[in-house]
């Protein structure tokens, strides 16, 4: 387990990869760690939270005083926007929309994400500081 927040994402998805790259470009704190679905971290997360089995979503995990806080789907995206800060926090206005509706829109995008983008075919070689933030 890491000491800070972790974003679990689909490493084979161009939309998801673009989201991770956007976070890396715009973040101010540089404290978020990333893990792909299928990584050891994600497998351990599923063992701790069996209700996440079958969840094909972005997953935001952060430590709390009473255990881990786990957010999925639209809540994970909005938490990522909060993390980035600046103008991205304006996405928080979407919390005025009931979560069920937000999650349906998220699910529609998620079901079509592989068709909407090319796979992350360009292999970026991040510097060592960024590389260390990706969990195996």
N, C-alpha and C. Protein backbone atom coordinates (compact mmCIF):
# COMPACT_ATOMS: atom_id res chain seq x y z
N UNK A 1 0.84 -1.18 0.00
CA UNK A 1 0.00 0.00 0.00
C UNK A 1 0.88 1.23 0.00
N UNK A 2 0.45 2.25 -0.69
CA UNK A 2 1.20 3.49 -0.72
C UNK A 2 0.69 4.43 0.36
N UNK A 3 1.40 5.51 0.60
CA UNK A 3 0.98 6.44 1.64
C UNK A 3 0.00 7.49 1.13
N UNK A 4 -0.15 7.61 -0.18
CA UNK A 4 -1.07 8.60 -0.74
C UNK A 4 -2.09 7.97 -1.66
N UNK A 5 -2.78 8.82 -2.41
CA UNK A 5 -3.83 8.36 -3.31
C UNK A 5 -3.25 7.62 -4.51
N UNK A 6 -4.05 6.66 -5.01
CA UNK A 6 -3.67 5.87 -6.18
C UNK A 6 -4.84 5.91 -7.16
N UNK A 7 -4.52 6.10 -8.42
CA UNK A 7 -5.52 6.05 -9.48
C UNK A 7 -5.30 4.77 -10.27
N UNK A 8 -6.31 3.89 -10.26
CA UNK A 8 -6.25 2.64 -11.02
C UNK A 8 -6.97 2.90 -12.33
N UNK A 9 -6.33 2.54 -13.45
CA UNK A 9 -6.87 2.84 -14.77
C UNK A 9 -6.62 1.69 -15.72
N UNK A 10 -7.30 1.71 -16.86
CA UNK A 10 -7.13 0.71 -17.91
C UNK A 10 -5.92 1.10 -18.75
N UNK A 11 -4.83 0.38 -18.58
CA UNK A 11 -3.60 0.70 -19.28
C UNK A 11 -3.63 0.42 -20.77
N UNK A 12 -4.66 -0.30 -21.24
CA UNK A 12 -4.79 -0.61 -22.67
C UNK A 12 -5.75 0.34 -23.37
N UNK A 13 -6.19 1.36 -22.70
CA UNK A 13 -7.21 2.27 -23.23
C UNK A 13 -6.59 3.63 -23.53
N UNK A 14 -6.78 4.09 -24.77
CA UNK A 14 -6.25 5.39 -25.16
C UNK A 14 -6.89 6.54 -24.40
N UNK A 15 -8.20 6.45 -24.13
CA UNK A 15 -8.89 7.50 -23.37
C UNK A 15 -8.32 7.56 -21.96
N UNK A 16 -8.12 6.39 -21.35
CA UNK A 16 -7.59 6.34 -19.99
C UNK A 16 -6.15 6.85 -19.94
N UNK A 17 -5.34 6.44 -20.92
CA UNK A 17 -3.96 6.90 -20.98
C UNK A 17 -3.92 8.42 -21.16
N UNK A 18 -4.79 8.96 -22.00
CA UNK A 18 -4.84 10.41 -22.19
C UNK A 18 -5.21 11.11 -20.89
N UNK A 19 -6.10 10.50 -20.11
CA UNK A 19 -6.46 11.08 -18.81
C UNK A 19 -5.28 11.10 -17.86
N UNK A 20 -4.53 10.02 -17.82
CA UNK A 20 -3.33 9.97 -16.96
C UNK A 20 -2.32 11.02 -17.42
N UNK A 21 -2.11 11.12 -18.72
CA UNK A 21 -1.16 12.12 -19.24
C UNK A 21 -1.62 13.54 -18.91
N UNK A 22 -2.94 13.77 -18.97
CA UNK A 22 -3.50 15.09 -18.63
C UNK A 22 -3.21 15.41 -17.16
N UNK A 23 -3.42 14.43 -16.30
CA UNK A 23 -3.13 14.65 -14.88
C UNK A 23 -1.65 14.98 -14.69
N UNK A 24 -0.76 14.22 -15.33
CA UNK A 24 0.67 14.47 -15.18
C UNK A 24 1.07 15.85 -15.69
N UNK A 25 0.40 16.33 -16.74
CA UNK A 25 0.71 17.66 -17.27
C UNK A 25 0.22 18.80 -16.39
N UNK A 26 -0.93 18.61 -15.74
CA UNK A 26 -1.57 19.72 -15.05
C UNK A 26 -1.49 19.68 -13.53
N UNK A 27 -1.06 18.57 -12.96
CA UNK A 27 -1.06 18.47 -11.50
C UNK A 27 -0.08 19.46 -10.89
N UNK A 28 -0.36 19.82 -9.67
CA UNK A 28 0.50 20.76 -8.95
C UNK A 28 1.26 20.07 -7.82
N UNK A 29 0.66 19.00 -7.28
CA UNK A 29 1.24 18.36 -6.09
C UNK A 29 2.21 17.24 -6.41
N UNK A 30 2.05 16.55 -7.51
CA UNK A 30 2.93 15.44 -7.90
C UNK A 30 2.98 14.34 -6.85
N UNK A 31 1.84 14.08 -6.23
CA UNK A 31 1.81 13.07 -5.17
C UNK A 31 0.96 11.86 -5.52
N UNK A 32 0.23 11.91 -6.62
CA UNK A 32 -0.65 10.81 -7.01
C UNK A 32 0.17 9.68 -7.61
N UNK A 33 -0.20 8.46 -7.25
CA UNK A 33 0.43 7.27 -7.80
C UNK A 33 -0.57 6.59 -8.72
N UNK A 34 -0.08 5.86 -9.73
CA UNK A 34 -0.93 5.23 -10.73
C UNK A 34 -0.69 3.73 -10.76
N UNK A 35 -1.75 2.98 -11.06
CA UNK A 35 -1.64 1.53 -11.20
C UNK A 35 -2.63 1.09 -12.28
N UNK A 36 -2.18 0.24 -13.15
CA UNK A 36 -3.06 -0.28 -14.21
C UNK A 36 -3.91 -1.41 -13.65
N UNK A 37 -5.12 -1.56 -14.24
CA UNK A 37 -5.92 -2.75 -13.94
C UNK A 37 -5.02 -3.95 -14.24
N UNK A 38 -5.06 -4.95 -13.44
CA UNK A 38 -4.22 -6.14 -13.66
C UNK A 38 -2.88 -6.05 -12.96
N UNK A 39 -2.53 -4.90 -12.42
CA UNK A 39 -1.27 -4.78 -11.68
C UNK A 39 -1.40 -5.48 -10.34
N UNK A 40 -0.29 -5.70 -9.70
CA UNK A 40 -0.30 -6.30 -8.37
C UNK A 40 -1.10 -5.45 -7.40
N UNK A 41 -0.93 -4.11 -7.49
CA UNK A 41 -1.69 -3.22 -6.62
C UNK A 41 -3.19 -3.42 -6.83
N UNK A 42 -3.64 -3.46 -8.09
CA UNK A 42 -5.06 -3.64 -8.39
C UNK A 42 -5.57 -4.99 -7.90
N UNK A 43 -4.76 -6.03 -8.06
CA UNK A 43 -5.16 -7.35 -7.56
C UNK A 43 -5.33 -7.33 -6.04
N UNK A 44 -4.40 -6.69 -5.34
CA UNK A 44 -4.50 -6.58 -3.88
C UNK A 44 -5.71 -5.74 -3.47
N UNK A 45 -5.99 -4.70 -4.24
CA UNK A 45 -7.17 -3.86 -3.98
C UNK A 45 -8.44 -4.70 -4.08
N UNK A 46 -8.54 -5.52 -5.14
CA UNK A 46 -9.71 -6.37 -5.32
C UNK A 46 -9.83 -7.40 -4.19
N UNK A 47 -8.70 -7.86 -3.68
CA UNK A 47 -8.74 -8.81 -2.56
C UNK A 47 -9.27 -8.12 -1.30
N UNK A 48 -8.91 -6.85 -1.11
CA UNK A 48 -9.39 -6.10 0.06
C UNK A 48 -10.83 -5.65 -0.10
N UNK A 49 -11.26 -5.44 -1.35
CA UNK A 49 -12.61 -4.93 -1.64
C UNK A 49 -13.26 -5.80 -2.70
N UNK A 50 -13.74 -6.98 -2.32
CA UNK A 50 -14.33 -7.91 -3.30
C UNK A 50 -15.49 -7.31 -4.10
N UNK A 51 -16.15 -6.29 -3.56
CA UNK A 51 -17.25 -5.66 -4.28
C UNK A 51 -16.78 -4.97 -5.57
N UNK A 52 -15.48 -4.76 -5.69
CA UNK A 52 -14.93 -4.14 -6.89
C UNK A 52 -14.70 -5.13 -8.03
N UNK A 53 -14.82 -6.43 -7.75
CA UNK A 53 -14.65 -7.43 -8.81
C UNK A 53 -15.65 -7.16 -9.91
N UNK A 54 -15.17 -7.11 -11.13
CA UNK A 54 -16.03 -6.83 -12.27
C UNK A 54 -16.20 -5.36 -12.57
N UNK A 55 -15.67 -4.48 -11.72
CA UNK A 55 -15.77 -3.04 -11.97
C UNK A 55 -14.77 -2.70 -13.07
N UNK A 56 -15.29 -2.23 -14.18
CA UNK A 56 -14.45 -1.84 -15.32
C UNK A 56 -14.46 -0.32 -15.38
N UNK A 57 -13.75 0.28 -14.45
CA UNK A 57 -13.85 1.72 -14.25
C UNK A 57 -12.53 2.26 -13.74
N UNK A 58 -12.43 3.57 -13.82
CA UNK A 58 -11.36 4.25 -13.12
C UNK A 58 -11.66 4.08 -11.63
N UNK A 59 -10.63 3.83 -10.84
CA UNK A 59 -10.81 3.65 -9.40
C UNK A 59 -9.84 4.58 -8.69
N UNK A 60 -10.36 5.40 -7.79
CA UNK A 60 -9.54 6.31 -6.99
C UNK A 60 -9.48 5.72 -5.58
N UNK A 61 -8.29 5.51 -5.06
CA UNK A 61 -8.10 4.93 -3.74
C UNK A 61 -7.26 5.91 -2.92
N UNK A 62 -7.77 6.27 -1.75
CA UNK A 62 -6.97 7.14 -0.89
C UNK A 62 -7.08 6.67 0.55
N UNK A 63 -5.98 6.82 1.28
CA UNK A 63 -6.00 6.40 2.68
C UNK A 63 -6.87 7.35 3.50
N UNK A 64 -7.47 6.80 4.51
CA UNK A 64 -8.28 7.61 5.42
C UNK A 64 -8.03 7.16 6.84
N UNK A 65 -8.56 7.90 7.79
CA UNK A 65 -8.35 7.56 9.19
C UNK A 65 -9.08 6.28 9.57
N UNK A 66 -10.15 5.96 8.84
CA UNK A 66 -10.92 4.75 9.14
C UNK A 66 -10.82 3.73 8.00
N UNK A 67 -9.68 3.68 7.34
CA UNK A 67 -9.47 2.74 6.24
C UNK A 67 -9.40 3.46 4.91
N UNK A 68 -9.40 2.68 3.86
CA UNK A 68 -9.31 3.24 2.52
C UNK A 68 -10.64 3.83 2.07
N UNK A 69 -10.55 4.90 1.33
CA UNK A 69 -11.72 5.46 0.65
C UNK A 69 -11.56 5.08 -0.81
N UNK A 70 -12.57 4.41 -1.38
CA UNK A 70 -12.51 3.93 -2.75
C UNK A 70 -13.65 4.57 -3.54
N UNK A 71 -13.30 5.27 -4.61
CA UNK A 71 -14.29 5.91 -5.47
C UNK A 71 -14.19 5.31 -6.86
N UNK A 72 -15.33 5.10 -7.50
CA UNK A 72 -15.35 4.53 -8.85
C UNK A 72 -16.20 5.42 -9.76
N UNK A 73 -16.02 5.20 -11.06
CA UNK A 73 -16.80 5.83 -12.12
C UNK A 73 -16.75 7.35 -12.01
N UNK A 74 -17.90 8.02 -12.05
CA UNK A 74 -17.89 9.48 -12.11
C UNK A 74 -17.29 10.11 -10.86
N UNK A 75 -17.46 9.49 -9.70
CA UNK A 75 -16.87 10.05 -8.48
C UNK A 75 -15.35 10.02 -8.56
N UNK A 76 -14.78 8.97 -9.15
CA UNK A 76 -13.32 8.89 -9.30
C UNK A 76 -12.83 9.99 -10.25
N UNK A 77 -13.55 10.22 -11.33
CA UNK A 77 -13.17 11.26 -12.28
C UNK A 77 -13.23 12.63 -11.62
N UNK A 78 -14.30 12.90 -10.87
CA UNK A 78 -14.43 14.20 -10.22
C UNK A 78 -13.36 14.38 -9.13
N UNK A 79 -13.00 13.31 -8.45
CA UNK A 79 -11.92 13.40 -7.45
C UNK A 79 -10.59 13.69 -8.13
N UNK A 80 -10.37 13.09 -9.31
CA UNK A 80 -9.14 13.37 -10.06
C UNK A 80 -9.10 14.84 -10.48
N UNK A 81 -10.24 15.39 -10.89
CA UNK A 81 -10.31 16.81 -11.25
C UNK A 81 -9.99 17.68 -10.04
N UNK A 82 -10.51 17.31 -8.87
CA UNK A 82 -10.19 18.04 -7.63
C UNK A 82 -8.69 18.00 -7.36
N UNK A 83 -8.09 16.83 -7.56
CA UNK A 83 -6.64 16.65 -7.33
C UNK A 83 -5.84 17.58 -8.24
N UNK A 84 -6.22 17.65 -9.52
CA UNK A 84 -5.48 18.49 -10.46
C UNK A 84 -5.54 19.94 -10.01
N UNK A 85 -6.71 20.37 -9.58
CA UNK A 85 -6.88 21.73 -9.08
C UNK A 85 -7.07 22.74 -10.19
N UNK A 86 -6.92 24.00 -9.85
CA UNK A 86 -7.09 25.07 -10.82
C UNK A 86 -8.48 25.02 -11.44
N UNK A 87 -8.56 25.32 -12.72
CA UNK A 87 -9.82 25.33 -13.44
C UNK A 87 -10.50 23.97 -13.50
N UNK A 88 -9.74 22.91 -13.31
CA UNK A 88 -10.32 21.57 -13.35
C UNK A 88 -11.33 21.35 -12.23
N UNK A 89 -11.20 22.11 -11.15
CA UNK A 89 -12.15 21.99 -10.04
C UNK A 89 -13.56 22.39 -10.44
N UNK A 90 -13.68 23.15 -11.52
CA UNK A 90 -15.01 23.53 -12.00
C UNK A 90 -15.85 22.32 -12.37
N UNK A 91 -15.19 21.21 -12.68
CA UNK A 91 -15.93 19.98 -12.98
C UNK A 91 -16.77 19.55 -11.79
N UNK A 92 -16.44 20.04 -10.60
CA UNK A 92 -17.19 19.70 -9.39
C UNK A 92 -18.65 20.09 -9.48
N UNK A 93 -18.99 21.03 -10.35
CA UNK A 93 -20.39 21.42 -10.52
C UNK A 93 -21.22 20.23 -11.01
N UNK A 94 -20.56 19.25 -11.63
CA UNK A 94 -21.26 18.05 -12.08
C UNK A 94 -21.82 17.24 -10.92
N UNK A 95 -21.33 17.50 -9.71
CA UNK A 95 -21.87 16.79 -8.54
C UNK A 95 -23.32 17.19 -8.27
N UNK A 96 -23.78 18.28 -8.90
CA UNK A 96 -25.19 18.68 -8.78
C UNK A 96 -26.10 17.71 -9.53
N UNK A 97 -25.53 16.99 -10.49
CA UNK A 97 -26.28 15.97 -11.23
C UNK A 97 -26.27 14.70 -10.38
N UNK A 98 -27.41 14.06 -10.21
CA UNK A 98 -27.43 12.82 -9.41
C UNK A 98 -26.40 11.81 -9.91
N UNK A 99 -25.75 11.16 -8.97
CA UNK A 99 -24.68 10.22 -9.30
C UNK A 99 -25.13 9.15 -10.28
N UNK A 100 -26.35 8.67 -10.15
CA UNK A 100 -26.85 7.64 -11.06
C UNK A 100 -26.81 8.10 -12.52
N UNK A 101 -27.19 9.35 -12.76
CA UNK A 101 -27.14 9.89 -14.13
C UNK A 101 -25.70 10.08 -14.59
N UNK A 102 -24.86 10.62 -13.69
CA UNK A 102 -23.44 10.79 -14.04
C UNK A 102 -22.81 9.46 -14.37
N UNK A 103 -23.11 8.44 -13.56
CA UNK A 103 -22.51 7.13 -13.78
C UNK A 103 -23.02 6.49 -15.08
N UNK A 104 -24.27 6.74 -15.45
CA UNK A 104 -24.75 6.22 -16.74
C UNK A 104 -23.98 6.83 -17.89
N UNK A 105 -23.73 8.14 -17.82
CA UNK A 105 -22.92 8.80 -18.86
C UNK A 105 -21.50 8.24 -18.86
N UNK A 106 -20.94 8.03 -17.67
CA UNK A 106 -19.60 7.44 -17.56
C UNK A 106 -19.59 6.05 -18.19
N UNK A 107 -20.60 5.24 -17.87
CA UNK A 107 -20.66 3.87 -18.40
C UNK A 107 -20.76 3.87 -19.93
N UNK A 108 -21.50 4.81 -20.49
CA UNK A 108 -21.62 4.90 -21.94
C UNK A 108 -20.25 5.17 -22.56
N UNK A 109 -19.52 6.11 -22.00
CA UNK A 109 -18.17 6.39 -22.49
C UNK A 109 -17.27 5.17 -22.27
N UNK A 110 -17.36 4.56 -21.10
CA UNK A 110 -16.49 3.42 -20.78
C UNK A 110 -16.72 2.25 -21.73
N UNK A 111 -17.98 1.99 -22.07
CA UNK A 111 -18.28 0.88 -22.98
C UNK A 111 -17.70 1.12 -24.38
N UNK A 112 -17.57 2.37 -24.75
CA UNK A 112 -17.12 2.72 -26.09
C UNK A 112 -15.70 3.28 -26.14
N UNK A 113 -14.99 3.25 -25.02
CA UNK A 113 -13.70 3.92 -24.93
C UNK A 113 -12.66 3.36 -25.90
N UNK A 114 -12.69 2.06 -26.17
CA UNK A 114 -11.70 1.49 -27.08
C UNK A 114 -11.98 1.88 -28.53
N UNK A 115 -13.24 2.13 -28.84
CA UNK A 115 -13.58 2.58 -30.19
C UNK A 115 -13.34 4.06 -30.37
N UNK A 116 -13.40 4.82 -29.30
CA UNK A 116 -13.27 6.27 -29.38
C UNK A 116 -11.82 6.74 -29.46
N UNK A 117 -10.89 5.86 -29.23
CA UNK A 117 -9.49 6.28 -29.26
C UNK A 117 -8.62 5.15 -29.74
N UNK A 118 -7.45 5.54 -30.16
CA UNK A 118 -6.46 4.53 -30.51
C UNK A 118 -5.82 4.05 -29.21
N UNK A 119 -5.34 2.81 -29.22
CA UNK A 119 -4.62 2.34 -28.03
C UNK A 119 -3.38 3.20 -27.81
N UNK A 120 -2.91 3.27 -26.59
CA UNK A 120 -1.73 4.09 -26.31
C UNK A 120 -0.50 3.46 -26.96
N UNK A 121 -0.40 3.57 -28.28
CA UNK A 121 0.65 2.91 -29.04
C UNK A 121 2.01 3.57 -28.94
N UNK A 122 2.03 4.86 -28.69
CA UNK A 122 3.31 5.55 -28.56
C UNK A 122 3.85 5.27 -27.18
N UNK A 123 5.00 4.67 -27.13
CA UNK A 123 5.60 4.32 -25.85
C UNK A 123 6.38 5.52 -25.33
N UNK A 124 5.82 6.18 -24.33
CA UNK A 124 6.51 7.32 -23.73
C UNK A 124 7.53 6.79 -22.72
N UNK A 125 8.66 7.42 -22.67
CA UNK A 125 9.67 7.03 -21.69
C UNK A 125 9.74 8.17 -20.69
N UNK A 126 8.99 8.02 -19.58
CA UNK A 126 8.98 9.10 -18.59
C UNK A 126 10.29 9.14 -17.82
N UNK A 127 10.55 10.30 -17.24
CA UNK A 127 11.75 10.40 -16.42
C UNK A 127 11.57 9.53 -15.17
N UNK A 128 12.63 9.32 -14.45
CA UNK A 128 12.60 8.37 -13.32
C UNK A 128 11.62 8.80 -12.24
N UNK A 129 11.45 10.10 -12.01
CA UNK A 129 10.52 10.57 -10.97
C UNK A 129 9.08 10.16 -11.32
N UNK A 130 8.71 10.27 -12.57
CA UNK A 130 7.36 9.89 -13.00
C UNK A 130 7.24 8.37 -13.01
N UNK A 131 8.26 7.69 -13.50
CA UNK A 131 8.24 6.22 -13.57
C UNK A 131 7.99 5.59 -12.19
N UNK A 132 8.58 6.18 -11.17
CA UNK A 132 8.45 5.65 -9.81
C UNK A 132 7.02 5.75 -9.29
N UNK A 133 6.19 6.58 -9.91
CA UNK A 133 4.82 6.77 -9.46
C UNK A 133 3.85 5.76 -10.07
N UNK A 134 4.35 4.88 -10.94
CA UNK A 134 3.52 3.83 -11.54
C UNK A 134 3.81 2.51 -10.83
N UNK A 135 2.80 1.95 -10.20
CA UNK A 135 2.95 0.73 -9.41
C UNK A 135 2.84 -0.49 -10.32
N UNK A 136 3.58 -1.51 -9.96
CA UNK A 136 3.53 -2.78 -10.71
C UNK A 136 2.35 -3.61 -10.25
